[in-house]
Amino acid sequence: MSVQSINKSTFSLMPLHESAYALNIAFSGKDGSLLSTKAFTFIQDPSAKEGEIFDIFSQNGVCNKPLFTMNDVKGLKLAAAKLQLEKPQHPTVLVLDLKDSQKKYLDWDEISQHEAVVCDFFQTGKTDPCLSKHAQKITPLFQGAYPLDFVLCEGSLKKDLVHEFSDAQAQFFLSGSEGPISFCQCAEYFMNGFKFGHAVTGISADHYIMPITNKVFHPFQKSTVWYPALYKEIYSPEGEFANTLKPIFSISGLFDAKTKITQMSVELPI
């Protein structure tokens, strides 16, 4: 099978029993024919606490370029203002999606080193040459009553996930226009599961969720994600991704025209 033969991937969640569900991925060609599949089994943690965790922003970057553009600062300001307005009494998370210098997820050392710099920045306010001059505008946004509690390292997660797929499947995820979007959605199923304590063997929250404050991460029964404007269509509460979650989770959400933030709440049914 050639790399070019994979044209699309589709996802589905399927209950297995009361404490497990499967993420099924189908890879198809241009003619819609099924070329290959991959499945992951998520084991559910029954100890999830009542309450909610807030994923307030998705920060993207490349390791050889300064992190935090003016658009990033604008998005973070909107998220910080929303925190001040809604005053949630729950932990907050920022998702950090860093690619390596080749704009892929193959250099684990480079990605992890830059993730450590960003985590240190949010902890101490200390800047680094890999951060842009705009980074200093971010520090005051998350001081006081609503600090950032955790960073979820999506780059490291994707680096590990790449090796779970065949060469052809991985190449599809890492190239073209359709593949990287599908890979982001693939990672989103794992990051969503982390917040509820759901894990695949060898892929669990403690490997990727880094504390910024003195709070200790534990799973909750509800997760709310604030997707910035870039993700309006991909993660619409009425969209394809949200619908694939419904066999396992309850979904609600809305689009805030003022902030351009798409809010999606995912909850374990009682």
Protein backbone atom coordinates (compact mmCIF):
# COMPACT_ATOMS: atom_id res chain seq x y z
CA MET A 1 0.00 0.00 0.00
CA SER A 2 1.49 3.35 -0.98
CA VAL A 3 1.47 6.36 1.31
CA GLN A 4 -0.60 8.32 -1.20
CA SER A 5 -3.38 5.72 -1.18
CA ILE A 6 -4.70 6.90 2.21
CA ASN A 7 -6.98 9.85 1.62
CA LYS A 8 -9.16 10.04 4.72
CA SER A 9 -9.62 8.79 8.26
CA THR A 10 -12.87 8.46 10.18
CA PHE A 11 -13.36 7.96 13.91
CA SER A 12 -15.95 6.27 16.08
CA LEU A 13 -16.35 5.47 19.78
CA MET A 14 -17.99 2.20 20.80
CA PRO A 15 -18.89 1.03 24.32
CA LEU A 16 -17.26 -2.28 25.23
CA HIS A 17 -18.58 -2.75 28.77
CA GLU A 18 -19.33 -0.55 31.78
CA SER A 19 -15.68 0.40 32.32
CA ALA A 20 -14.20 0.48 28.82
CA TYR A 21 -14.79 1.81 25.32
CA ALA A 22 -12.98 1.62 21.99
CA LEU A 23 -11.72 4.33 19.67
CA ASN A 24 -11.92 2.88 16.16
CA ILE A 25 -10.13 4.57 13.25
CA ALA A 26 -10.77 3.65 9.62
CA PHE A 27 -8.38 4.74 6.86
CA SER A 28 -9.83 4.94 3.36
CA GLY A 29 -8.73 5.78 -0.18
CA LYS A 30 -9.98 8.37 -2.66
CA ASP A 31 -12.69 6.00 -3.84
CA GLY A 32 -13.91 5.46 -0.27
CA SER A 33 -12.57 1.92 -0.04
CA LEU A 34 -11.39 0.77 3.38
CA LEU A 35 -7.61 0.35 3.40
CA SER A 36 -6.76 -0.25 7.06
CA THR A 37 -7.99 0.18 10.61
CA LYS A 38 -6.62 0.89 14.07
CA ALA A 39 -8.33 0.53 17.44
CA PHE A 40 -7.52 1.69 20.98
CA THR A 41 -9.20 0.51 24.17
CA PHE A 42 -9.82 3.14 26.85
CA ILE A 43 -10.19 1.91 30.42
CA GLN A 44 -12.45 4.18 32.48
CA ASP A 45 -11.43 5.33 35.96
CA PRO A 46 -14.46 5.06 38.29
CA SER A 47 -12.94 7.55 40.77
CA ALA A 48 -13.62 10.72 38.75
CA LYS A 49 -14.72 13.48 41.10
CA GLU A 50 -17.78 15.65 40.83
CA GLY A 51 -16.98 18.98 39.28
CA GLU A 52 -15.43 20.31 36.13
CA ILE A 53 -12.07 21.01 34.54
CA PHE A 54 -11.64 23.92 32.10
CA ASP A 55 -9.43 23.67 29.02
CA ILE A 56 -9.15 27.37 28.21
CA PHE A 57 -6.80 27.68 25.22
CA SER A 58 -4.92 25.73 22.53
CA GLN A 59 -1.42 27.08 21.89
CA ASN A 60 0.31 25.90 18.71
CA GLY A 61 3.95 26.38 17.75
CA VAL A 62 7.09 25.12 16.04
CA CYS A 63 10.23 24.59 18.08
CA ASN A 64 12.55 26.69 15.90
CA LYS A 65 10.21 29.68 15.81
CA PRO A 66 9.39 32.16 18.62
CA LEU A 67 6.32 31.04 20.54
CA PHE A 68 3.33 33.28 21.29
CA THR A 69 2.40 35.49 18.34
CA MET A 70 0.23 38.58 18.58
CA ASN A 71 -2.77 36.40 17.63
CA ASP A 72 -1.91 34.00 20.47
CA VAL A 73 -1.79 36.89 22.93
CA LYS A 74 -5.14 38.14 21.64
CA GLY A 75 -6.68 34.70 22.08
CA LEU A 76 -5.24 34.30 25.57
CA LYS A 77 -6.58 37.72 26.55
CA LEU A 78 -10.06 36.65 25.46
CA ALA A 79 -9.76 33.43 27.47
CA ALA A 80 -8.50 35.31 30.54
CA ALA A 81 -11.37 37.82 30.27
CA LYS A 82 -13.85 34.93 30.01
CA LEU A 83 -12.34 33.44 33.19
CA GLN A 84 -12.77 36.73 35.02
CA LEU A 85 -16.38 36.98 33.84
CA GLU A 86 -17.46 33.40 34.57
CA LYS A 87 -15.33 32.93 37.71
CA PRO A 88 -15.07 29.12 37.55
CA GLN A 89 -14.00 27.44 40.79
CA HIS A 90 -12.28 24.62 38.95
CA PRO A 91 -8.82 23.78 37.60
CA THR A 92 -7.71 25.31 34.30
CA VAL A 93 -5.64 23.74 31.51
CA LEU A 94 -3.76 25.12 28.51
CA VAL A 95 -3.08 22.69 25.65
CA LEU A 96 0.40 23.10 24.15
CA ASP A 97 0.83 21.62 20.66
CA LEU A 98 4.48 21.95 19.65
CA LYS A 99 5.90 20.47 16.44
CA ASP A 100 9.61 19.86 16.01
CA SER A 101 11.80 21.96 13.69
CA GLN A 102 10.70 19.84 10.71
CA LYS A 103 7.05 20.71 11.51
CA LYS A 104 6.36 17.12 12.47
CA TYR A 105 6.31 15.10 15.71
CA LEU A 106 9.44 13.01 15.35
CA ASP A 107 12.07 14.74 17.54
CA TRP A 108 10.97 13.91 21.08
CA ASP A 109 13.91 15.67 22.76
CA GLU A 110 13.34 18.95 20.94
CA ILE A 111 9.61 18.95 21.67
CA SER A 112 10.00 18.02 25.35
CA GLN A 113 12.71 20.64 25.90
CA HIS A 114 10.53 23.41 24.50
CA GLU A 115 7.51 22.17 26.47
CA ALA A 116 9.61 22.44 29.64
CA VAL A 117 10.50 26.04 28.77
CA VAL A 118 6.84 26.97 28.31
CA CYS A 119 5.82 25.25 31.56
CA ASP A 120 8.59 27.09 33.40
CA PHE A 121 7.42 30.36 31.85
CA PHE A 122 3.88 29.87 33.15
CA GLN A 123 5.22 28.89 36.57
CA THR A 124 7.77 31.67 37.04
CA GLY A 125 7.25 34.27 34.32
CA LYS A 126 10.83 33.62 33.22
CA THR A 127 11.31 34.21 29.49
CA ASP A 128 13.62 32.31 27.16
CA PRO A 129 15.03 32.94 23.68
CA CYS A 130 12.50 30.48 22.21
CA LEU A 131 9.65 32.72 23.42
CA SER A 132 8.67 35.82 21.45
CA LYS A 133 8.75 39.37 22.77
CA HIS A 134 4.98 39.13 23.13
CA ALA A 135 5.24 36.46 25.82
CA GLN A 136 5.67 39.06 28.57
CA LYS A 137 2.13 40.26 27.84
CA ILE A 138 0.77 36.86 28.85
CA THR A 139 2.14 36.57 32.39
CA PRO A 140 -0.23 39.14 33.99
CA LEU A 141 -3.27 37.45 32.44
CA PHE A 142 -3.08 34.39 34.69
CA GLN A 143 -2.06 35.86 38.01
CA GLY A 144 -4.35 36.40 40.96
CA ALA A 145 -7.70 34.65 41.37
CA TYR A 146 -7.62 32.57 38.16
CA PRO A 147 -4.14 31.19 37.52
CA LEU A 148 -3.34 28.55 34.94
CA ASP A 149 -3.10 25.21 36.77
CA PHE A 150 -1.89 22.70 34.16
CA VAL A 151 -0.30 22.46 30.73
CA LEU A 152 -1.35 19.48 28.61
CA CYS A 153 1.56 18.62 26.31
CA GLU A 154 -0.12 17.64 23.05
CA GLY A 155 3.17 17.65 21.14
CA SER A 156 4.60 14.87 23.33
CA LEU A 157 1.33 12.97 23.07
CA LYS A 158 1.42 13.11 19.27
CA LYS A 159 5.08 12.10 19.27
CA ASP A 160 4.10 8.94 21.15
CA LEU A 161 0.95 8.34 19.11
CA VAL A 162 2.86 8.39 15.81
CA HIS A 163 4.51 5.12 16.80
CA GLU A 164 1.15 3.44 17.42
CA PHE A 165 0.32 3.52 13.71
CA SER A 166 1.68 1.82 10.61
CA ASP A 167 4.11 3.80 8.46
CA ALA A 168 1.42 4.55 5.90
CA GLN A 169 -1.08 5.67 8.55
CA ALA A 170 1.52 7.86 10.28
CA GLN A 171 2.58 9.45 7.02
CA PHE A 172 -1.04 10.32 6.27
CA PHE A 173 -1.38 12.03 9.66
CA LEU A 174 1.86 13.99 9.19
CA SER A 175 1.42 15.24 5.62
CA GLY A 176 -0.97 16.99 3.28
CA SER A 177 -3.89 19.13 4.34
CA GLU A 178 -6.38 16.52 5.54
CA GLY A 179 -3.98 14.34 7.54
CA PRO A 180 -2.76 16.84 10.18
CA ILE A 181 -6.35 17.90 10.94
CA SER A 182 -7.29 14.25 11.40
CA PHE A 183 -4.26 13.74 13.65
CA CYS A 184 -5.36 16.67 15.82
CA GLN A 185 -8.78 15.05 16.17
CA CYS A 186 -7.16 11.72 16.99
CA ALA A 187 -5.15 13.33 19.79
CA GLU A 188 -8.29 15.11 21.01
CA TYR A 189 -9.94 11.79 21.88
CA PHE A 190 -6.99 10.99 24.13
CA MET A 191 -6.85 14.44 25.74
CA ASN A 192 -10.60 14.32 26.34
CA GLY A 193 -10.20 10.92 27.99
CA PHE A 194 -7.34 12.14 30.20
CA LYS A 195 -9.62 14.65 31.91
CA PHE A 196 -11.94 11.82 32.97
CA GLY A 197 -9.14 9.48 33.99
CA HIS A 198 -9.56 7.30 30.90
CA ALA A 199 -6.36 5.71 29.65
CA VAL A 200 -4.98 3.42 26.98
CA THR A 201 -2.21 1.07 28.11
CA GLY A 202 0.97 3.17 28.20
CA ILE A 203 -0.85 6.41 27.29
CA SER A 204 -2.27 8.13 30.38
CA ALA A 205 -2.69 11.64 31.79
CA ASP A 206 0.31 11.53 34.13
CA HIS A 207 2.67 11.43 31.13
CA TYR A 208 1.33 14.61 29.54
CA ILE A 209 -0.43 16.88 32.07
CA MET A 210 2.15 19.11 33.76
CA PRO A 211 1.27 21.06 36.95
CA ILE A 212 1.89 24.81 36.92
CA THR A 213 0.47 25.61 40.37
CA ASN A 214 0.52 23.43 43.47
CA LYS A 215 -2.67 21.64 42.44
CA VAL A 216 -2.53 17.88 41.85
CA PHE A 217 -4.35 16.66 38.77
CA HIS A 218 -7.23 14.24 39.25
CA PRO A 219 -10.06 13.26 36.89
CA PHE A 220 -13.42 15.00 36.86
CA GLN A 221 -16.89 14.05 35.66
CA LYS A 222 -17.12 17.04 33.33
CA SER A 223 -14.74 18.82 30.97
CA THR A 224 -15.34 22.17 29.28
CA VAL A 225 -13.09 23.22 26.41
CA TRP A 226 -12.81 26.74 25.01
CA TYR A 227 -11.60 26.36 21.44
CA PRO A 228 -10.20 29.55 19.84
CA ALA A 229 -11.53 30.85 16.52
CA LEU A 230 -9.26 28.58 14.45
CA TYR A 231 -11.23 25.52 15.59
CA LYS A 232 -14.78 26.82 15.15
CA GLU A 233 -15.77 24.30 12.48
CA ILE A 234 -13.65 21.31 13.55
CA TYR A 235 -14.95 21.27 17.12
CA SER A 236 -18.43 22.66 16.72
CA PRO A 237 -20.80 21.14 19.32
CA GLU A 238 -23.01 20.14 16.37
CA GLY A 239 -20.14 18.86 14.26
CA GLU A 240 -18.82 15.43 13.32
CA PHE A 241 -16.26 15.21 16.13
CA ALA A 242 -18.81 16.06 18.82
CA ASN A 243 -21.25 13.51 17.43
CA THR A 244 -18.67 10.73 17.64
CA LEU A 245 -18.40 11.34 21.40
CA LYS A 246 -22.11 10.82 22.04
CA PRO A 247 -22.07 7.01 22.47
CA ILE A 248 -20.00 7.56 25.65
CA PHE A 249 -20.50 11.19 26.75
CA SER A 250 -23.16 13.87 27.00
CA ILE A 251 -22.33 16.90 24.82
CA SER A 252 -23.42 20.54 25.01
CA GLY A 253 -21.92 23.79 23.85
CA LEU A 254 -22.20 27.12 22.11
CA PHE A 255 -20.31 29.65 20.00
CA ASP A 256 -19.56 33.03 21.58
CA ALA A 257 -19.68 35.58 18.74
CA LYS A 258 -17.98 38.25 20.87
CA THR A 259 -14.90 36.25 21.81
CA LYS A 260 -14.99 33.84 18.82
CA ILE A 261 -14.60 31.02 21.37
CA THR A 262 -16.39 27.73 20.75
CA GLN A 263 -17.36 26.16 24.06
CA MET A 264 -17.90 22.42 24.25
CA SER A 265 -18.80 20.64 27.48
CA VAL A 266 -18.32 16.88 27.68
CA GLU A 267 -19.79 14.99 30.61
CA LEU A 268 -20.04 11.45 31.87
CA PRO A 269 -23.71 10.42 32.05
CA ILE A 270 -24.92 9.93 35.61
